[in-house]
Amino acid sequence: MATPTADKNGAIVVSALRARANFGKLLRRLDDERRSLVIEKRGTPKAVLLSIRDYVRLAAPEPEILKLIGEESERNGTNQLTARQIDQVGKASRATRKKR
């Protein structure tokens, strides 16, 4: 049985038979190497398997405003806050508004 190859985009290319026989290994490889998998049948590409991370990125790209908010959060160091800390900040902010 032929070993997986890579196409010009770096995707792993395997036969449908090999994909079926080695599905678990291929899933781990997708995750580890952050690559996609092209599945061929009789030498013709038939399907693509993506990591969930890549699928979400392609299916629902991050809106520009969320990207900007994320970058600002990283600059300010607020991206390290826990959910509890965020709740405390929100609670303090609401208490301040009520006093006005």
N, C-alpha and C. Protein backbone atom coordinates (compact mmCIF):
# COMPACT_ATOMS: atom_id res chain seq x y z
N MET A 1 0.85 -1.18 0.00
CA MET A 1 0.00 0.00 0.00
C MET A 1 0.89 1.23 0.00
N ALA A 2 0.55 2.21 -0.79
CA ALA A 2 1.36 3.43 -0.91
C ALA A 2 1.29 4.26 0.37
N THR A 3 2.40 4.92 0.66
CA THR A 3 2.42 5.80 1.82
C THR A 3 1.84 7.15 1.44
N PRO A 4 1.36 7.92 2.43
CA PRO A 4 0.79 9.23 2.12
C PRO A 4 1.84 10.14 1.48
N THR A 5 1.40 10.96 0.57
CA THR A 5 2.26 11.97 -0.05
C THR A 5 1.71 13.33 0.31
N ALA A 6 2.36 14.38 -0.14
CA ALA A 6 1.87 15.74 0.09
C ALA A 6 1.66 16.41 -1.26
N ASP A 7 0.59 17.20 -1.36
CA ASP A 7 0.37 17.93 -2.60
C ASP A 7 1.11 19.26 -2.54
N LYS A 8 0.96 20.09 -3.57
CA LYS A 8 1.71 21.35 -3.64
C LYS A 8 1.32 22.33 -2.53
N ASN A 9 0.15 22.15 -1.91
CA ASN A 9 -0.27 23.01 -0.81
C ASN A 9 0.10 22.45 0.56
N GLY A 10 0.79 21.32 0.56
CA GLY A 10 1.20 20.71 1.82
C GLY A 10 0.17 19.79 2.43
N ALA A 11 -0.94 19.56 1.74
CA ALA A 11 -1.96 18.65 2.25
C ALA A 11 -1.46 17.22 2.14
N ILE A 12 -1.88 16.39 3.06
CA ILE A 12 -1.55 14.97 3.03
C ILE A 12 -2.51 14.32 2.02
N VAL A 13 -1.98 13.52 1.11
CA VAL A 13 -2.81 12.86 0.10
C VAL A 13 -2.76 11.35 0.34
N VAL A 14 -3.93 10.74 0.52
CA VAL A 14 -4.01 9.30 0.75
C VAL A 14 -5.16 8.70 -0.06
N SER A 15 -5.07 7.41 -0.26
CA SER A 15 -6.16 6.71 -0.94
C SER A 15 -7.31 6.54 0.06
N ALA A 16 -8.49 6.33 -0.46
CA ALA A 16 -9.66 6.11 0.39
C ALA A 16 -9.46 4.87 1.26
N LEU A 17 -8.87 3.83 0.70
CA LEU A 17 -8.62 2.60 1.45
C LEU A 17 -7.67 2.85 2.62
N ARG A 18 -6.58 3.55 2.36
CA ARG A 18 -5.62 3.87 3.43
C ARG A 18 -6.26 4.77 4.48
N ALA A 19 -7.06 5.74 4.05
CA ALA A 19 -7.73 6.65 5.00
C ALA A 19 -8.64 5.85 5.93
N ARG A 20 -9.38 4.90 5.36
CA ARG A 20 -10.28 4.07 6.17
C ARG A 20 -9.50 3.21 7.15
N ALA A 21 -8.42 2.62 6.69
CA ALA A 21 -7.64 1.70 7.53
C ALA A 21 -6.84 2.42 8.62
N ASN A 22 -6.52 3.68 8.40
CA ASN A 22 -5.65 4.42 9.33
C ASN A 22 -6.30 5.71 9.82
N PHE A 23 -7.62 5.72 9.95
CA PHE A 23 -8.33 6.95 10.26
C PHE A 23 -7.85 7.62 11.54
N GLY A 24 -7.69 6.86 12.61
CA GLY A 24 -7.25 7.43 13.88
C GLY A 24 -5.88 8.08 13.78
N LYS A 25 -4.95 7.40 13.13
CA LYS A 25 -3.60 7.95 12.95
C LYS A 25 -3.64 9.22 12.12
N LEU A 26 -4.46 9.22 11.08
CA LEU A 26 -4.56 10.39 10.22
C LEU A 26 -5.17 11.58 10.96
N LEU A 27 -6.16 11.32 11.81
CA LEU A 27 -6.74 12.41 12.61
C LEU A 27 -5.69 13.03 13.52
N ARG A 28 -4.90 12.18 14.18
CA ARG A 28 -3.83 12.71 15.05
C ARG A 28 -2.82 13.51 14.24
N ARG A 29 -2.50 13.02 13.07
CA ARG A 29 -1.53 13.72 12.22
C ARG A 29 -2.06 15.07 11.77
N LEU A 30 -3.35 15.13 11.42
CA LEU A 30 -3.95 16.42 11.05
C LEU A 30 -3.80 17.42 12.17
N ASP A 31 -4.09 16.98 13.38
CA ASP A 31 -4.02 17.86 14.54
C ASP A 31 -2.57 18.25 14.84
N ASP A 32 -1.67 17.26 14.84
CA ASP A 32 -0.26 17.53 15.17
C ASP A 32 0.41 18.43 14.15
N GLU A 33 0.18 18.18 12.88
CA GLU A 33 0.88 18.90 11.81
C GLU A 33 0.10 20.09 11.27
N ARG A 34 -1.15 20.23 11.73
CA ARG A 34 -2.01 21.33 11.27
C ARG A 34 -2.08 21.39 9.74
N ARG A 35 -2.39 20.23 9.17
CA ARG A 35 -2.52 20.12 7.72
C ARG A 35 -3.87 19.52 7.39
N SER A 36 -4.24 19.60 6.13
CA SER A 36 -5.48 18.96 5.68
C SER A 36 -5.14 17.64 5.02
N LEU A 37 -6.18 16.86 4.74
CA LEU A 37 -6.02 15.53 4.17
C LEU A 37 -6.88 15.44 2.91
N VAL A 38 -6.26 15.13 1.79
CA VAL A 38 -6.99 14.91 0.54
C VAL A 38 -7.15 13.41 0.38
N ILE A 39 -8.39 12.97 0.20
CA ILE A 39 -8.68 11.54 0.03
C ILE A 39 -8.98 11.28 -1.44
N GLU A 40 -8.22 10.36 -2.01
CA GLU A 40 -8.38 10.02 -3.42
C GLU A 40 -9.00 8.64 -3.58
N LYS A 41 -9.73 8.49 -4.66
CA LYS A 41 -10.26 7.18 -5.04
C LYS A 41 -9.82 6.96 -6.49
N ARG A 42 -9.04 5.91 -6.67
CA ARG A 42 -8.49 5.59 -7.99
C ARG A 42 -7.71 6.77 -8.59
N GLY A 43 -6.97 7.46 -7.72
CA GLY A 43 -6.11 8.55 -8.16
C GLY A 43 -6.80 9.88 -8.36
N THR A 44 -8.12 9.95 -8.11
CA THR A 44 -8.87 11.20 -8.29
C THR A 44 -9.27 11.74 -6.92
N PRO A 45 -8.93 13.01 -6.62
CA PRO A 45 -9.34 13.60 -5.34
C PRO A 45 -10.86 13.59 -5.20
N LYS A 46 -11.35 13.07 -4.07
CA LYS A 46 -12.79 12.96 -3.85
C LYS A 46 -13.27 13.76 -2.64
N ALA A 47 -12.40 13.96 -1.65
CA ALA A 47 -12.83 14.64 -0.43
C ALA A 47 -11.62 15.26 0.27
N VAL A 48 -11.92 16.18 1.18
CA VAL A 48 -10.89 16.81 1.99
C VAL A 48 -11.31 16.70 3.45
N LEU A 49 -10.38 16.34 4.30
CA LEU A 49 -10.61 16.27 5.74
C LEU A 49 -9.79 17.38 6.37
N LEU A 50 -10.45 18.23 7.15
CA LEU A 50 -9.80 19.37 7.81
C LEU A 50 -9.85 19.20 9.32
N SER A 51 -8.90 19.81 10.01
CA SER A 51 -9.00 19.87 11.46
C SER A 51 -10.18 20.77 11.80
N ILE A 52 -10.74 20.60 12.97
CA ILE A 52 -11.87 21.44 13.37
C ILE A 52 -11.47 22.91 13.41
N ARG A 53 -10.24 23.16 13.78
CA ARG A 53 -9.72 24.54 13.84
C ARG A 53 -9.77 25.18 12.45
N ASP A 54 -9.30 24.44 11.44
CA ASP A 54 -9.32 24.97 10.07
C ASP A 54 -10.75 25.11 9.55
N TYR A 55 -11.61 24.16 9.88
CA TYR A 55 -12.99 24.23 9.44
C TYR A 55 -13.68 25.48 9.99
N VAL A 56 -13.52 25.73 11.28
CA VAL A 56 -14.15 26.90 11.89
C VAL A 56 -13.60 28.17 11.26
N ARG A 57 -12.30 28.20 11.03
CA ARG A 57 -11.69 29.39 10.41
C ARG A 57 -12.26 29.63 9.01
N LEU A 58 -12.49 28.57 8.25
CA LEU A 58 -13.02 28.71 6.90
C LEU A 58 -14.52 28.94 6.87
N ALA A 59 -15.25 28.26 7.75
CA ALA A 59 -16.71 28.34 7.75
C ALA A 59 -17.22 29.63 8.37
N ALA A 60 -16.54 30.10 9.38
CA ALA A 60 -16.97 31.31 10.08
C ALA A 60 -15.75 32.16 10.40
N PRO A 61 -15.20 32.83 9.39
CA PRO A 61 -14.00 33.62 9.65
C PRO A 61 -14.28 34.69 10.70
N GLU A 62 -13.28 34.96 11.48
CA GLU A 62 -13.40 35.93 12.56
C GLU A 62 -13.67 37.32 11.98
N PRO A 63 -14.76 37.97 12.42
CA PRO A 63 -15.01 39.33 11.94
C PRO A 63 -13.85 40.25 12.33
N GLU A 64 -13.59 41.22 11.51
CA GLU A 64 -12.46 42.13 11.72
C GLU A 64 -12.52 42.80 13.09
N ILE A 65 -13.72 43.17 13.54
CA ILE A 65 -13.82 43.85 14.83
C ILE A 65 -13.38 42.94 15.98
N LEU A 66 -13.72 41.65 15.89
CA LEU A 66 -13.29 40.72 16.94
C LEU A 66 -11.78 40.53 16.92
N LYS A 67 -11.22 40.54 15.74
CA LYS A 67 -9.76 40.43 15.62
C LYS A 67 -9.09 41.64 16.28
N LEU A 68 -9.62 42.82 16.02
CA LEU A 68 -9.06 44.04 16.62
C LEU A 68 -9.21 44.05 18.14
N ILE A 69 -10.36 43.61 18.63
CA ILE A 69 -10.58 43.53 20.08
C ILE A 69 -9.59 42.55 20.71
N GLY A 70 -9.39 41.41 20.06
CA GLY A 70 -8.44 40.41 20.56
C GLY A 70 -7.02 40.96 20.61
N GLU A 71 -6.62 41.68 19.57
CA GLU A 71 -5.27 42.26 19.54
C GLU A 71 -5.11 43.30 20.65
N GLU A 72 -6.13 44.14 20.85
CA GLU A 72 -6.07 45.14 21.91
C GLU A 72 -6.01 44.48 23.29
N SER A 73 -6.76 43.41 23.45
CA SER A 73 -6.76 42.66 24.71
C SER A 73 -5.37 42.10 25.00
N GLU A 74 -4.71 41.59 23.97
CA GLU A 74 -3.35 41.08 24.15
C GLU A 74 -2.39 42.20 24.53
N ARG A 75 -2.52 43.37 23.87
CA ARG A 75 -1.64 44.50 24.20
C ARG A 75 -1.84 44.96 25.64
N ASN A 76 -3.11 44.96 26.10
CA ASN A 76 -3.42 45.43 27.46
C ASN A 76 -3.21 44.36 28.52
N GLY A 77 -3.00 43.11 28.09
CA GLY A 77 -2.81 42.03 29.04
C GLY A 77 -4.12 41.49 29.60
N THR A 78 -5.25 41.97 29.11
CA THR A 78 -6.54 41.51 29.63
C THR A 78 -6.94 40.15 29.06
N ASN A 79 -6.20 39.66 28.09
CA ASN A 79 -6.49 38.33 27.54
C ASN A 79 -6.13 37.23 28.53
N GLN A 80 -5.48 37.57 29.62
CA GLN A 80 -5.08 36.59 30.63
C GLN A 80 -6.09 36.49 31.78
N LEU A 81 -7.14 37.31 31.74
CA LEU A 81 -8.13 37.31 32.83
C LEU A 81 -8.94 36.02 32.84
N THR A 82 -9.27 35.55 34.02
CA THR A 82 -10.14 34.38 34.16
C THR A 82 -11.59 34.83 34.06
N ALA A 83 -12.50 33.88 33.89
CA ALA A 83 -13.93 34.21 33.83
C ALA A 83 -14.37 34.88 35.13
N ARG A 84 -13.86 34.41 36.25
CA ARG A 84 -14.21 35.01 37.55
C ARG A 84 -13.75 36.47 37.61
N GLN A 85 -12.55 36.75 37.15
CA GLN A 85 -12.03 38.12 37.15
C GLN A 85 -12.87 39.02 36.24
N ILE A 86 -13.27 38.50 35.10
CA ILE A 86 -14.10 39.28 34.18
C ILE A 86 -15.44 39.60 34.84
N ASP A 87 -16.04 38.62 35.52
CA ASP A 87 -17.30 38.85 36.24
C ASP A 87 -17.14 39.93 37.30
N GLN A 88 -16.02 39.91 38.02
CA GLN A 88 -15.78 40.91 39.06
C GLN A 88 -15.65 42.32 38.47
N VAL A 89 -14.97 42.43 37.34
CA VAL A 89 -14.84 43.73 36.67
C VAL A 89 -16.22 44.22 36.22
N GLY A 90 -17.01 43.33 35.65
CA GLY A 90 -18.37 43.70 35.21
C GLY A 90 -19.23 44.13 36.38
N LYS A 91 -19.17 43.40 37.47
CA LYS A 91 -19.94 43.72 38.67
C LYS A 91 -19.54 45.09 39.22
N ALA A 92 -18.25 45.36 39.27
CA ALA A 92 -17.77 46.65 39.77
C ALA A 92 -18.21 47.79 38.85
N SER A 93 -18.18 47.55 37.55
CA SER A 93 -18.60 48.57 36.59
C SER A 93 -20.09 48.88 36.74
N ARG A 94 -20.92 47.84 36.92
CA ARG A 94 -22.35 48.07 37.10
C ARG A 94 -22.63 48.81 38.40
N ALA A 95 -21.91 48.49 39.44
CA ALA A 95 -22.09 49.17 40.73
C ALA A 95 -21.73 50.65 40.60
N THR A 96 -20.70 50.95 39.86
CA THR A 96 -20.29 52.35 39.64
C THR A 96 -21.36 53.10 38.87
N ARG A 97 -21.96 52.48 37.88
CA ARG A 97 -23.01 53.12 37.07
C ARG A 97 -24.25 53.40 37.90
N LYS A 98 -24.60 52.50 38.79
CA LYS A 98 -25.79 52.68 39.64
C LYS A 98 -25.64 53.87 40.55
N LYS A 99 -24.42 54.16 40.99
CA LYS A 99 -24.16 55.27 41.91
C LYS A 99 -24.32 56.63 41.24
N ARG A 100 -24.23 56.69 39.94
CA ARG A 100 -24.30 57.97 39.23
C ARG A 100 -25.67 58.54 39.19
